[in-house]
């Protein structure tokens, strides 16, 4: 299991490098697109799939999963902060809190869209983006 999580950690690093010169909005769109691509195949992300079982995993798996989550959260927090400084994103809470809300929304949307309408995921994703620019 740790090798699967580590593979996703490498994919995240590759993603971060590929969007490093993009605008904060482009980064957010591409970040959410990753989840959309997974949803189009009726799949969910590794964080969505494994986080609910975190306490059942061996300590080494927990460490790897926590590192992946922290890396994702830190990148998202920095992207939001960058967008806020540039006047692109508008929200009143702490950057990390906003990042947590976005992650929980998208991970929850992955799960719920399995039993609700498929377009619900898309609506949640679009709402995340529109809420950032209001």
C-alpha atoms as a PDB file:
ATOM      1  CA  UNK A   1       0.000   0.000   0.000  1.00  0.00           C
ATOM      2  CA  UNK A   2       2.836   2.413   0.776  1.00  0.00           C
ATOM      3  CA  UNK A   3       4.190   2.075  -2.762  1.00  0.00           C
ATOM      4  CA  UNK A   4       0.797   3.076  -4.199  1.00  0.00           C
ATOM      5  CA  UNK A   5       0.680   6.168  -1.981  1.00  0.00           C
ATOM      6  CA  UNK A   6       4.282   7.009  -2.860  1.00  0.00           C
ATOM      7  CA  UNK A   7       3.383   6.741  -6.555  1.00  0.00           C
ATOM      8  CA  UNK A   8       0.633   9.308  -5.988  1.00  0.00           C
ATOM      9  CA  UNK A   9       3.091  11.506  -4.125  1.00  0.00           C
ATOM     10  CA  UNK A  10       5.300  11.464  -7.233  1.00  0.00           C
ATOM     11  CA  UNK A  11       2.275  12.244  -9.410  1.00  0.00           C
ATOM     12  CA  UNK A  12       1.485  15.208  -7.161  1.00  0.00           C
ATOM     13  CA  UNK A  13       5.058  16.478  -7.472  1.00  0.00           C
ATOM     14  CA  UNK A  14       4.853  16.131 -11.249  1.00  0.00           C
ATOM     15  CA  UNK A  15       1.534  18.005 -11.245  1.00  0.00           C
ATOM     16  CA  UNK A  16       2.942  20.805  -9.078  1.00  0.00           C
ATOM     17  CA  UNK A  17       5.898  21.193 -11.415  1.00  0.00           C
ATOM     18  CA  UNK A  18       3.638  21.233 -14.494  1.00  0.00           C
ATOM     19  CA  UNK A  19       1.536  24.109 -13.114  1.00  0.00           C
ATOM     20  CA  UNK A  20       4.301  26.051 -11.398  1.00  0.00           C
ATOM     21  CA  UNK A  21       4.162  28.945 -13.870  1.00  0.00           C
ATOM     22  CA  UNK A  22       0.362  29.026 -14.181  1.00  0.00           C
ATOM     23  CA  UNK A  23      -1.846  31.683 -12.630  1.00  0.00           C
ATOM     24  CA  UNK A  24      -3.545  30.805  -9.332  1.00  0.00           C
ATOM     25  CA  UNK A  25      -6.887  30.362 -11.144  1.00  0.00           C
ATOM     26  CA  UNK A  26      -5.313  28.095 -13.758  1.00  0.00           C
ATOM     27  CA  UNK A  27      -3.742  26.068 -10.949  1.00  0.00           C
ATOM     28  CA  UNK A  28      -7.104  25.690  -9.228  1.00  0.00           C
ATOM     29  CA  UNK A  29      -8.848  24.689 -12.452  1.00  0.00           C
ATOM     30  CA  UNK A  30      -6.188  22.081 -13.195  1.00  0.00           C
ATOM     31  CA  UNK A  31      -6.227  20.827  -9.607  1.00  0.00           C
ATOM     32  CA  UNK A  32      -9.973  20.274  -9.726  1.00  0.00           C
ATOM     33  CA  UNK A  33      -9.679  18.788 -13.214  1.00  0.00           C
ATOM     34  CA  UNK A  34      -7.582  15.976 -11.760  1.00  0.00           C
ATOM     35  CA  UNK A  35     -10.560  14.999  -9.618  1.00  0.00           C
ATOM     36  CA  UNK A  36     -12.953  15.414 -12.561  1.00  0.00           C
ATOM     37  CA  UNK A  37     -10.923  13.045 -14.687  1.00  0.00           C
ATOM     38  CA  UNK A  38     -11.123  10.429 -11.964  1.00  0.00           C
ATOM     39  CA  UNK A  39     -14.858  10.972 -11.596  1.00  0.00           C
ATOM     40  CA  UNK A  40     -15.387  10.553 -15.330  1.00  0.00           C
ATOM     41  CA  UNK A  41     -14.164   6.978 -14.893  1.00  0.00           C
ATOM     42  CA  UNK A  42     -16.395   6.499 -11.823  1.00  0.00           C
ATOM     43  CA  UNK A  43     -13.304   6.450  -9.634  1.00  0.00           C
ATOM     44  CA  UNK A  44     -12.306   8.474  -6.619  1.00  0.00           C
ATOM     45  CA  UNK A  45      -8.951   9.885  -5.588  1.00  0.00           C
ATOM     46  CA  UNK A  46      -6.545   8.015  -3.381  1.00  0.00           C
ATOM     47  CA  UNK A  47      -7.172  10.518  -0.571  1.00  0.00           C
ATOM     48  CA  UNK A  48     -10.914  10.019  -0.922  1.00  0.00           C
ATOM     49  CA  UNK A  49     -10.551   6.264  -1.000  1.00  0.00           C
ATOM     50  CA  UNK A  50      -8.099   5.829   1.868  1.00  0.00           C
ATOM     51  CA  UNK A  51      -8.706   8.654   4.338  1.00  0.00           C
ATOM     52  CA  UNK A  52     -11.840   7.067   5.751  1.00  0.00           C
ATOM     53  CA  UNK A  53      -9.833   3.973   6.731  1.00  0.00           C
ATOM     54  CA  UNK A  54      -6.807   5.856   8.080  1.00  0.00           C
ATOM     55  CA  UNK A  55      -6.933   4.358  11.572  1.00  0.00           C
ATOM     56  CA  UNK A  56      -7.104   0.792  10.273  1.00  0.00           C
ATOM     57  CA  UNK A  57      -3.759   1.071   8.448  1.00  0.00           C
ATOM     58  CA  UNK A  58      -0.328   0.144   9.721  1.00  0.00           C
ATOM     59  CA  UNK A  59       1.714   3.105  11.018  1.00  0.00           C
ATOM     60  CA  UNK A  60       3.913   3.224   7.889  1.00  0.00           C
ATOM     61  CA  UNK A  61       0.858   3.509   5.633  1.00  0.00           C
ATOM     62  CA  UNK A  62      -0.569   6.200   7.919  1.00  0.00           C
ATOM     63  CA  UNK A  63       2.684   8.174   7.649  1.00  0.00           C
ATOM     64  CA  UNK A  64       2.677   7.986   3.840  1.00  0.00           C
ATOM     65  CA  UNK A  65      -0.987   8.949   3.597  1.00  0.00           C
ATOM     66  CA  UNK A  66      -0.484  11.844   5.993  1.00  0.00           C
ATOM     67  CA  UNK A  67       2.491  13.072   3.937  1.00  0.00           C
ATOM     68  CA  UNK A  68       0.413  12.975   0.749  1.00  0.00           C
ATOM     69  CA  UNK A  69      -2.402  14.873   2.442  1.00  0.00           C
ATOM     70  CA  UNK A  70      -0.061  17.475   3.915  1.00  0.00           C
ATOM     71  CA  UNK A  71       1.715  17.964   0.592  1.00  0.00           C
ATOM     72  CA  UNK A  72      -1.621  18.447  -1.168  1.00  0.00           C
ATOM     73  CA  UNK A  73      -2.920  20.770   1.538  1.00  0.00           C
ATOM     74  CA  UNK A  74       0.275  22.847   1.618  1.00  0.00           C
ATOM     75  CA  UNK A  75       0.289  23.299  -2.165  1.00  0.00           C
ATOM     76  CA  UNK A  76      -3.374  24.265  -2.182  1.00  0.00           C
ATOM     77  CA  UNK A  77      -2.877  26.684   0.715  1.00  0.00           C
ATOM     78  CA  UNK A  78       0.010  28.384  -1.089  1.00  0.00           C
ATOM     79  CA  UNK A  79      -1.994  28.581  -4.325  1.00  0.00           C
ATOM     80  CA  UNK A  80      -4.899  30.199  -2.501  1.00  0.00           C
ATOM     81  CA  UNK A  81      -2.572  32.617  -0.717  1.00  0.00           C
ATOM     82  CA  UNK A  82      -0.965  33.556  -4.036  1.00  0.00           C
ATOM     83  CA  UNK A  83      -4.390  34.145  -5.602  1.00  0.00           C
ATOM     84  CA  UNK A  84      -5.507  36.238  -2.654  1.00  0.00           C
ATOM     85  CA  UNK A  85      -2.373  38.401  -2.756  1.00  0.00           C
ATOM     86  CA  UNK A  86      -2.865  38.946  -6.499  1.00  0.00           C
ATOM     87  CA  UNK A  87      -6.498  39.954  -5.905  1.00  0.00           C
ATOM     88  CA  UNK A  88      -7.873  37.003  -7.881  1.00  0.00           C
ATOM     89  CA  UNK A  89      -9.380  35.086  -4.955  1.00  0.00           C
ATOM     90  CA  UNK A  90     -11.623  36.629  -2.340  1.00  0.00           C
ATOM     91  CA  UNK A  91     -12.400  34.931   0.959  1.00  0.00           C
ATOM     92  CA  UNK A  92     -12.204  36.062   4.570  1.00  0.00           C
ATOM     93  CA  UNK A  93     -10.915  32.986   6.401  1.00  0.00           C
ATOM     94  CA  UNK A  94      -7.364  31.758   6.889  1.00  0.00           C
ATOM     95  CA  UNK A  95      -5.753  30.326   3.748  1.00  0.00           C
ATOM     96  CA  UNK A  96      -5.259  26.881   5.267  1.00  0.00           C
ATOM     97  CA  UNK A  97      -8.873  26.771   6.441  1.00  0.00           C
ATOM     98  CA  UNK A  98     -10.077  27.625   2.928  1.00  0.00           C
ATOM     99  CA  UNK A  99      -7.821  24.892   1.530  1.00  0.00           C
ATOM    100  CA  UNK A 100      -9.285  22.391   3.999  1.00  0.00           C
ATOM    101  CA  UNK A 101     -12.807  23.383   3.006  1.00  0.00           C
ATOM    102  CA  UNK A 102     -12.000  22.928  -0.678  1.00  0.00           C
ATOM    103  CA  UNK A 103     -10.408  19.525  -0.097  1.00  0.00           C
ATOM    104  CA  UNK A 104     -13.254  18.286   2.081  1.00  0.00           C
ATOM    105  CA  UNK A 105     -15.775  19.520  -0.463  1.00  0.00           C
ATOM    106  CA  UNK A 106     -14.105  17.804  -3.389  1.00  0.00           C
ATOM    107  CA  UNK A 107     -13.459  14.564  -1.494  1.00  0.00           C
ATOM    108  CA  UNK A 108     -17.025  14.551  -0.216  1.00  0.00           C
ATOM    109  CA  UNK A 109     -18.325  15.301  -3.692  1.00  0.00           C
ATOM    110  CA  UNK A 110     -16.451  12.272  -5.025  1.00  0.00           C
ATOM    111  CA  UNK A 111     -18.244  10.051  -2.545  1.00  0.00           C
ATOM    112  CA  UNK A 112     -21.712  11.598  -2.854  1.00  0.00           C
ATOM    113  CA  UNK A 113     -21.682  11.690  -6.642  1.00  0.00           C
ATOM    114  CA  UNK A 114     -21.542   7.907  -6.576  1.00  0.00           C
ATOM    115  CA  UNK A 115     -25.076   7.804  -5.192  1.00  0.00           C
ATOM    116  CA  UNK A 116     -26.500  11.103  -6.406  1.00  0.00           C
ATOM    117  CA  UNK A 117     -26.500  12.525  -9.894  1.00  0.00           C
ATOM    118  CA  UNK A 118     -23.184  12.581 -11.768  1.00  0.00           C
ATOM    119  CA  UNK A 119     -23.636  16.291 -12.508  1.00  0.00           C
ATOM    120  CA  UNK A 120     -23.600  17.035  -8.754  1.00  0.00           C
ATOM    121  CA  UNK A 121     -19.828  16.625  -8.719  1.00  0.00           C
ATOM    122  CA  UNK A 122     -19.466  19.109 -11.560  1.00  0.00           C
ATOM    123  CA  UNK A 123     -21.739  21.606  -9.804  1.00  0.00           C
ATOM    124  CA  UNK A 124     -19.728  21.377  -6.595  1.00  0.00           C
ATOM    125  CA  UNK A 125     -16.484  21.837  -8.517  1.00  0.00           C
ATOM    126  CA  UNK A 126     -17.852  24.902 -10.312  1.00  0.00           C
ATOM    127  CA  UNK A 127     -19.134  26.326  -7.022  1.00  0.00           C
ATOM    128  CA  UNK A 128     -15.687  25.954  -5.450  1.00  0.00           C
ATOM    129  CA  UNK A 129     -14.223  28.067  -8.257  1.00  0.00           C
ATOM    130  CA  UNK A 130     -16.979  30.671  -8.319  1.00  0.00           C
ATOM    131  CA  UNK A 131     -16.829  31.096  -4.529  1.00  0.00           C
ATOM    132  CA  UNK A 132     -13.145  31.978  -4.816  1.00  0.00           C
ATOM    133  CA  UNK A 133     -13.735  34.941  -7.140  1.00  0.00           C
ATOM    134  CA  UNK A 134     -16.792  36.483  -5.470  1.00  0.00           C
END
